[in-house]
Amino acid sequence: MSAKNILASVLFASAALVAGSAMANDNPHLQPVNSPSAVSRAEVLADLQIYRESGLAAVEQSETYGYDNARREAAKARYAELRNSPYYATLVQRFGGSAPATAVAGR
């Protein structure tokens, strides 16, 4: 066997090894399973609405986010207040949710 044939065999073997390992990474049994969310679309939209209304979105997007602690704490308190209020349940129903108001507001 000449050096040319040996080199070709080594290159072919290494290419086959790389292709085999690439295919092994594409095994569907090893991929994460996306399970359905326990939160409805209406709940997500209601939470986003409250996040914006409480001022928490504006605080977290401002350039002074790490420095304006008083404003951030006030916004977090307002968010928690709105999230645990019947207003959240009203928003969920407005966005098409069907959960009872008492079950949704208590989360």
N, C-alpha and C. Protein backbone atom coordinates (compact mmCIF):
# COMPACT_ATOMS: atom_id res chain seq x y z
N MET A 1 0.84 -1.16 0.00
CA MET A 1 0.00 0.00 0.00
C MET A 1 0.88 1.23 0.00
N SER A 2 0.55 2.16 -0.84
CA SER A 2 1.37 3.36 -0.93
C SER A 2 0.93 4.39 0.12
N ALA A 3 1.76 5.37 0.31
CA ALA A 3 1.46 6.43 1.29
C ALA A 3 0.20 7.18 0.88
N LYS A 4 -0.02 7.27 -0.42
CA LYS A 4 -1.21 7.97 -0.92
C LYS A 4 -2.49 7.22 -0.51
N ASN A 5 -2.46 5.89 -0.64
CA ASN A 5 -3.62 5.08 -0.27
C ASN A 5 -3.87 5.11 1.23
N ILE A 6 -2.79 5.09 2.02
CA ILE A 6 -2.92 5.13 3.47
C ILE A 6 -3.53 6.45 3.91
N LEU A 7 -3.02 7.53 3.31
CA LEU A 7 -3.55 8.86 3.64
C LEU A 7 -5.03 8.96 3.27
N ALA A 8 -5.40 8.43 2.12
CA ALA A 8 -6.80 8.46 1.69
C ALA A 8 -7.67 7.64 2.65
N SER A 9 -7.19 6.49 3.11
CA SER A 9 -7.94 5.66 4.04
C SER A 9 -8.14 6.36 5.38
N VAL A 10 -7.09 7.03 5.85
CA VAL A 10 -7.18 7.75 7.13
C VAL A 10 -8.17 8.90 7.01
N LEU A 11 -8.13 9.64 5.91
CA LEU A 11 -9.05 10.74 5.70
C LEU A 11 -10.49 10.26 5.61
N PHE A 12 -10.69 9.13 4.92
CA PHE A 12 -12.04 8.58 4.79
C PHE A 12 -12.56 8.12 6.15
N ALA A 13 -11.72 7.47 6.93
CA ALA A 13 -12.13 6.98 8.24
C ALA A 13 -12.46 8.14 9.18
N SER A 14 -11.65 9.20 9.15
CA SER A 14 -11.92 10.34 10.03
C SER A 14 -13.19 11.07 9.60
N ALA A 15 -13.45 11.16 8.30
CA ALA A 15 -14.68 11.79 7.82
C ALA A 15 -15.90 10.98 8.24
N ALA A 16 -15.79 9.67 8.18
CA ALA A 16 -16.90 8.80 8.59
C ALA A 16 -17.14 8.92 10.09
N LEU A 17 -16.09 9.06 10.85
CA LEU A 17 -16.22 9.20 12.30
C LEU A 17 -16.91 10.50 12.66
N VAL A 18 -16.52 11.59 11.99
CA VAL A 18 -17.14 12.89 12.25
C VAL A 18 -18.61 12.87 11.86
N ALA A 19 -18.91 12.28 10.72
CA ALA A 19 -20.30 12.21 10.27
C ALA A 19 -21.13 11.35 11.24
N GLY A 20 -20.56 10.28 11.75
CA GLY A 20 -21.27 9.42 12.69
C GLY A 20 -21.56 10.12 13.99
N SER A 21 -20.60 10.90 14.49
CA SER A 21 -20.84 11.60 15.75
C SER A 21 -21.83 12.75 15.55
N ALA A 22 -21.84 13.36 14.39
CA ALA A 22 -22.81 14.42 14.11
C ALA A 22 -24.21 13.85 14.06
N MET A 23 -24.35 12.66 13.50
CA MET A 23 -25.66 12.02 13.44
C MET A 23 -26.10 11.57 14.83
N ALA A 24 -25.16 11.19 15.68
CA ALA A 24 -25.52 10.76 17.03
C ALA A 24 -26.08 11.92 17.84
N ASN A 25 -25.64 13.13 17.58
CA ASN A 25 -26.15 14.30 18.29
C ASN A 25 -27.56 14.66 17.87
N ASP A 26 -28.01 14.11 16.77
CA ASP A 26 -29.33 14.42 16.27
C ASP A 26 -30.37 13.36 16.65
N ASN A 27 -30.06 12.60 17.67
CA ASN A 27 -30.96 11.55 18.12
C ASN A 27 -32.20 12.18 18.77
N PRO A 28 -33.39 11.93 18.23
CA PRO A 28 -34.58 12.58 18.80
C PRO A 28 -34.89 12.12 20.22
N HIS A 29 -34.39 10.97 20.62
CA HIS A 29 -34.65 10.50 21.98
C HIS A 29 -33.84 11.27 23.02
N LEU A 30 -32.79 11.96 22.57
CA LEU A 30 -31.96 12.73 23.49
C LEU A 30 -32.34 14.20 23.52
N GLN A 31 -33.24 14.61 22.65
CA GLN A 31 -33.64 16.00 22.58
C GLN A 31 -34.64 16.31 23.70
N PRO A 32 -34.63 17.56 24.20
CA PRO A 32 -35.59 17.90 25.26
C PRO A 32 -37.02 17.84 24.75
N VAL A 33 -37.91 17.48 25.63
CA VAL A 33 -39.33 17.39 25.28
C VAL A 33 -40.01 18.67 25.74
N ASN A 34 -40.70 19.32 24.83
CA ASN A 34 -41.44 20.53 25.16
C ASN A 34 -42.84 20.13 25.60
N SER A 35 -43.09 20.24 26.88
CA SER A 35 -44.40 19.89 27.39
C SER A 35 -45.29 21.13 27.37
N PRO A 36 -46.58 20.93 27.30
CA PRO A 36 -47.49 22.08 27.27
C PRO A 36 -47.38 22.88 28.56
N SER A 37 -47.56 24.16 28.44
CA SER A 37 -47.47 25.05 29.59
C SER A 37 -48.70 24.92 30.47
N ALA A 38 -48.50 25.12 31.76
CA ALA A 38 -49.62 25.09 32.70
C ALA A 38 -50.31 26.45 32.76
N VAL A 39 -49.72 27.44 32.11
CA VAL A 39 -50.26 28.80 32.12
C VAL A 39 -50.91 29.06 30.76
N SER A 40 -52.10 29.60 30.78
CA SER A 40 -52.80 29.87 29.53
C SER A 40 -52.30 31.16 28.89
N ARG A 41 -52.62 31.33 27.64
CA ARG A 41 -52.25 32.55 26.92
C ARG A 41 -52.88 33.77 27.58
N ALA A 42 -54.11 33.64 28.02
CA ALA A 42 -54.80 34.76 28.68
C ALA A 42 -54.08 35.16 29.96
N GLU A 43 -53.58 34.18 30.71
CA GLU A 43 -52.84 34.49 31.94
C GLU A 43 -51.53 35.21 31.64
N VAL A 44 -50.86 34.78 30.59
CA VAL A 44 -49.60 35.44 30.20
C VAL A 44 -49.86 36.87 29.77
N LEU A 45 -50.90 37.10 28.97
CA LEU A 45 -51.22 38.46 28.52
C LEU A 45 -51.65 39.35 29.69
N ALA A 46 -52.40 38.78 30.63
CA ALA A 46 -52.82 39.56 31.80
C ALA A 46 -51.60 39.92 32.66
N ASP A 47 -50.69 38.97 32.82
CA ASP A 47 -49.48 39.24 33.60
C ASP A 47 -48.62 40.30 32.93
N LEU A 48 -48.52 40.26 31.62
CA LEU A 48 -47.77 41.27 30.88
C LEU A 48 -48.40 42.65 31.04
N GLN A 49 -49.72 42.71 31.00
CA GLN A 49 -50.43 43.97 31.18
C GLN A 49 -50.13 44.56 32.56
N ILE A 50 -50.18 43.72 33.59
CA ILE A 50 -49.90 44.18 34.95
C ILE A 50 -48.44 44.59 35.10
N TYR A 51 -47.56 43.84 34.48
CA TYR A 51 -46.12 44.16 34.50
C TYR A 51 -45.89 45.57 33.94
N ARG A 52 -46.57 45.88 32.87
CA ARG A 52 -46.42 47.22 32.27
C ARG A 52 -47.09 48.29 33.12
N GLU A 53 -48.31 48.02 33.60
CA GLU A 53 -49.06 49.01 34.37
C GLU A 53 -48.41 49.33 35.72
N SER A 54 -47.75 48.37 36.30
CA SER A 54 -47.12 48.59 37.60
C SER A 54 -45.88 49.48 37.51
N GLY A 55 -45.36 49.65 36.30
CA GLY A 55 -44.15 50.44 36.12
C GLY A 55 -42.89 49.60 36.18
N LEU A 56 -43.03 48.31 36.44
CA LEU A 56 -41.87 47.44 36.54
C LEU A 56 -41.15 47.31 35.20
N ALA A 57 -41.90 47.29 34.12
CA ALA A 57 -41.27 47.21 32.79
C ALA A 57 -40.41 48.43 32.52
N ALA A 58 -40.95 49.61 32.85
CA ALA A 58 -40.20 50.85 32.61
C ALA A 58 -38.95 50.92 33.47
N VAL A 59 -39.05 50.45 34.71
CA VAL A 59 -37.89 50.48 35.61
C VAL A 59 -36.81 49.53 35.10
N GLU A 60 -37.20 48.33 34.69
CA GLU A 60 -36.22 47.34 34.24
C GLU A 60 -35.60 47.69 32.89
N GLN A 61 -36.23 48.56 32.13
CA GLN A 61 -35.68 48.96 30.84
C GLN A 61 -34.95 50.29 30.91
N SER A 62 -34.95 50.94 32.07
CA SER A 62 -34.30 52.24 32.18
C SER A 62 -32.79 52.06 32.35
N GLU A 63 -32.07 53.12 32.09
CA GLU A 63 -30.61 53.08 32.21
C GLU A 63 -30.18 53.10 33.67
N THR A 64 -31.07 53.48 34.57
CA THR A 64 -30.73 53.55 36.00
C THR A 64 -31.24 52.33 36.76
N TYR A 65 -31.46 51.21 36.07
CA TYR A 65 -32.07 50.03 36.69
C TYR A 65 -31.30 49.58 37.94
N GLY A 66 -30.03 49.53 37.90
CA GLY A 66 -29.25 49.05 39.03
C GLY A 66 -29.07 50.07 40.14
N TYR A 67 -29.46 51.30 39.89
CA TYR A 67 -29.20 52.37 40.85
C TYR A 67 -30.45 52.92 41.53
N ASP A 68 -31.57 52.87 40.85
CA ASP A 68 -32.81 53.46 41.37
C ASP A 68 -33.59 52.41 42.15
N ASN A 69 -33.06 52.04 43.30
CA ASN A 69 -33.66 50.95 44.09
C ASN A 69 -35.04 51.29 44.64
N ALA A 70 -35.24 52.51 45.04
CA ALA A 70 -36.54 52.90 45.61
C ALA A 70 -37.64 52.78 44.56
N ARG A 71 -37.36 53.23 43.37
CA ARG A 71 -38.36 53.16 42.28
C ARG A 71 -38.63 51.70 41.91
N ARG A 72 -37.58 50.88 41.87
CA ARG A 72 -37.75 49.47 41.53
C ARG A 72 -38.56 48.75 42.61
N GLU A 73 -38.28 49.00 43.87
CA GLU A 73 -39.02 48.35 44.95
C GLU A 73 -40.49 48.77 44.95
N ALA A 74 -40.75 50.05 44.67
CA ALA A 74 -42.13 50.53 44.60
C ALA A 74 -42.87 49.85 43.44
N ALA A 75 -42.19 49.69 42.31
CA ALA A 75 -42.81 49.04 41.15
C ALA A 75 -43.04 47.56 41.43
N LYS A 76 -42.12 46.90 42.10
CA LYS A 76 -42.29 45.49 42.44
C LYS A 76 -43.46 45.30 43.40
N ALA A 77 -43.60 46.21 44.36
CA ALA A 77 -44.72 46.13 45.30
C ALA A 77 -46.04 46.35 44.58
N ARG A 78 -46.08 47.30 43.67
CA ARG A 78 -47.30 47.58 42.90
C ARG A 78 -47.64 46.38 42.01
N TYR A 79 -46.62 45.76 41.40
CA TYR A 79 -46.84 44.57 40.57
C TYR A 79 -47.45 43.45 41.41
N ALA A 80 -46.87 43.18 42.59
CA ALA A 80 -47.38 42.12 43.46
C ALA A 80 -48.82 42.41 43.89
N GLU A 81 -49.09 43.67 44.18
CA GLU A 81 -50.44 44.07 44.57
C GLU A 81 -51.44 43.81 43.45
N LEU A 82 -51.09 44.23 42.24
CA LEU A 82 -51.99 44.02 41.10
C LEU A 82 -52.12 42.54 40.75
N ARG A 83 -51.04 41.80 40.87
CA ARG A 83 -51.03 40.38 40.50
C ARG A 83 -51.93 39.56 41.42
N ASN A 84 -52.03 39.97 42.67
CA ASN A 84 -52.85 39.24 43.64
C ASN A 84 -54.24 39.83 43.81
N SER A 85 -54.58 40.79 42.98
CA SER A 85 -55.89 41.44 43.09
C SER A 85 -56.90 40.81 42.12
N PRO A 86 -58.17 41.11 42.31
CA PRO A 86 -59.19 40.65 41.37
C PRO A 86 -59.02 41.25 39.96
N TYR A 87 -58.26 42.33 39.87
CA TYR A 87 -58.01 42.96 38.57
C TYR A 87 -57.31 41.98 37.63
N TYR A 88 -56.41 41.17 38.18
CA TYR A 88 -55.72 40.17 37.36
C TYR A 88 -56.72 39.18 36.77
N ALA A 89 -57.65 38.71 37.60
CA ALA A 89 -58.66 37.77 37.13
C ALA A 89 -59.54 38.41 36.05
N THR A 90 -59.84 39.70 36.23
CA THR A 90 -60.63 40.42 35.23
C THR A 90 -59.88 40.48 33.90
N LEU A 91 -58.59 40.75 33.97
CA LEU A 91 -57.78 40.79 32.74
C LEU A 91 -57.72 39.42 32.07
N VAL A 92 -57.57 38.38 32.86
CA VAL A 92 -57.53 37.03 32.29
C VAL A 92 -58.81 36.74 31.53
N GLN A 93 -59.93 37.09 32.13
CA GLN A 93 -61.21 36.86 31.45
C GLN A 93 -61.35 37.75 30.23
N ARG A 94 -60.84 38.98 30.29
CA ARG A 94 -60.90 39.88 29.14
C ARG A 94 -60.09 39.33 27.96
N PHE A 95 -58.98 38.66 28.27
CA PHE A 95 -58.14 38.09 27.22
C PHE A 95 -58.59 36.70 26.79
N GLY A 96 -59.74 36.26 27.27
CA GLY A 96 -60.30 35.01 26.81
C GLY A 96 -60.06 33.83 27.71
N GLY A 97 -59.55 34.05 28.91
CA GLY A 97 -59.34 32.96 29.85
C GLY A 97 -60.65 32.50 30.45
N SER A 98 -60.68 31.26 30.90
CA SER A 98 -61.92 30.73 31.45
C SER A 98 -61.78 30.31 32.90
N ALA A 99 -60.65 30.63 33.51
CA ALA A 99 -60.46 30.24 34.91
C ALA A 99 -61.34 31.09 35.82
N PRO A 100 -61.84 30.51 36.90
CA PRO A 100 -62.64 31.28 37.83
C PRO A 100 -61.82 32.39 38.47
N ALA A 101 -62.44 33.49 38.80
CA ALA A 101 -61.74 34.66 39.32
C ALA A 101 -61.01 34.34 40.63
N THR A 102 -61.58 33.53 41.48
CA THR A 102 -60.94 33.24 42.76
C THR A 102 -59.69 32.38 42.57
N ALA A 103 -59.72 31.45 41.63
CA ALA A 103 -58.57 30.59 41.41
C ALA A 103 -57.43 31.36 40.76
N VAL A 104 -57.74 32.27 39.88
CA VAL A 104 -56.70 33.00 39.16
C VAL A 104 -56.08 34.07 40.03
N ALA A 105 -56.89 34.79 40.77
CA ALA A 105 -56.38 35.90 41.56
C ALA A 105 -55.52 35.44 42.72
N GLY A 106 -55.71 34.22 43.17
CA GLY A 106 -54.96 33.74 44.32
C GLY A 106 -53.58 33.22 44.01
N ARG A 107 -53.20 33.11 42.78
CA ARG A 107 -51.89 32.55 42.42
C ARG A 107 -50.77 33.42 42.84
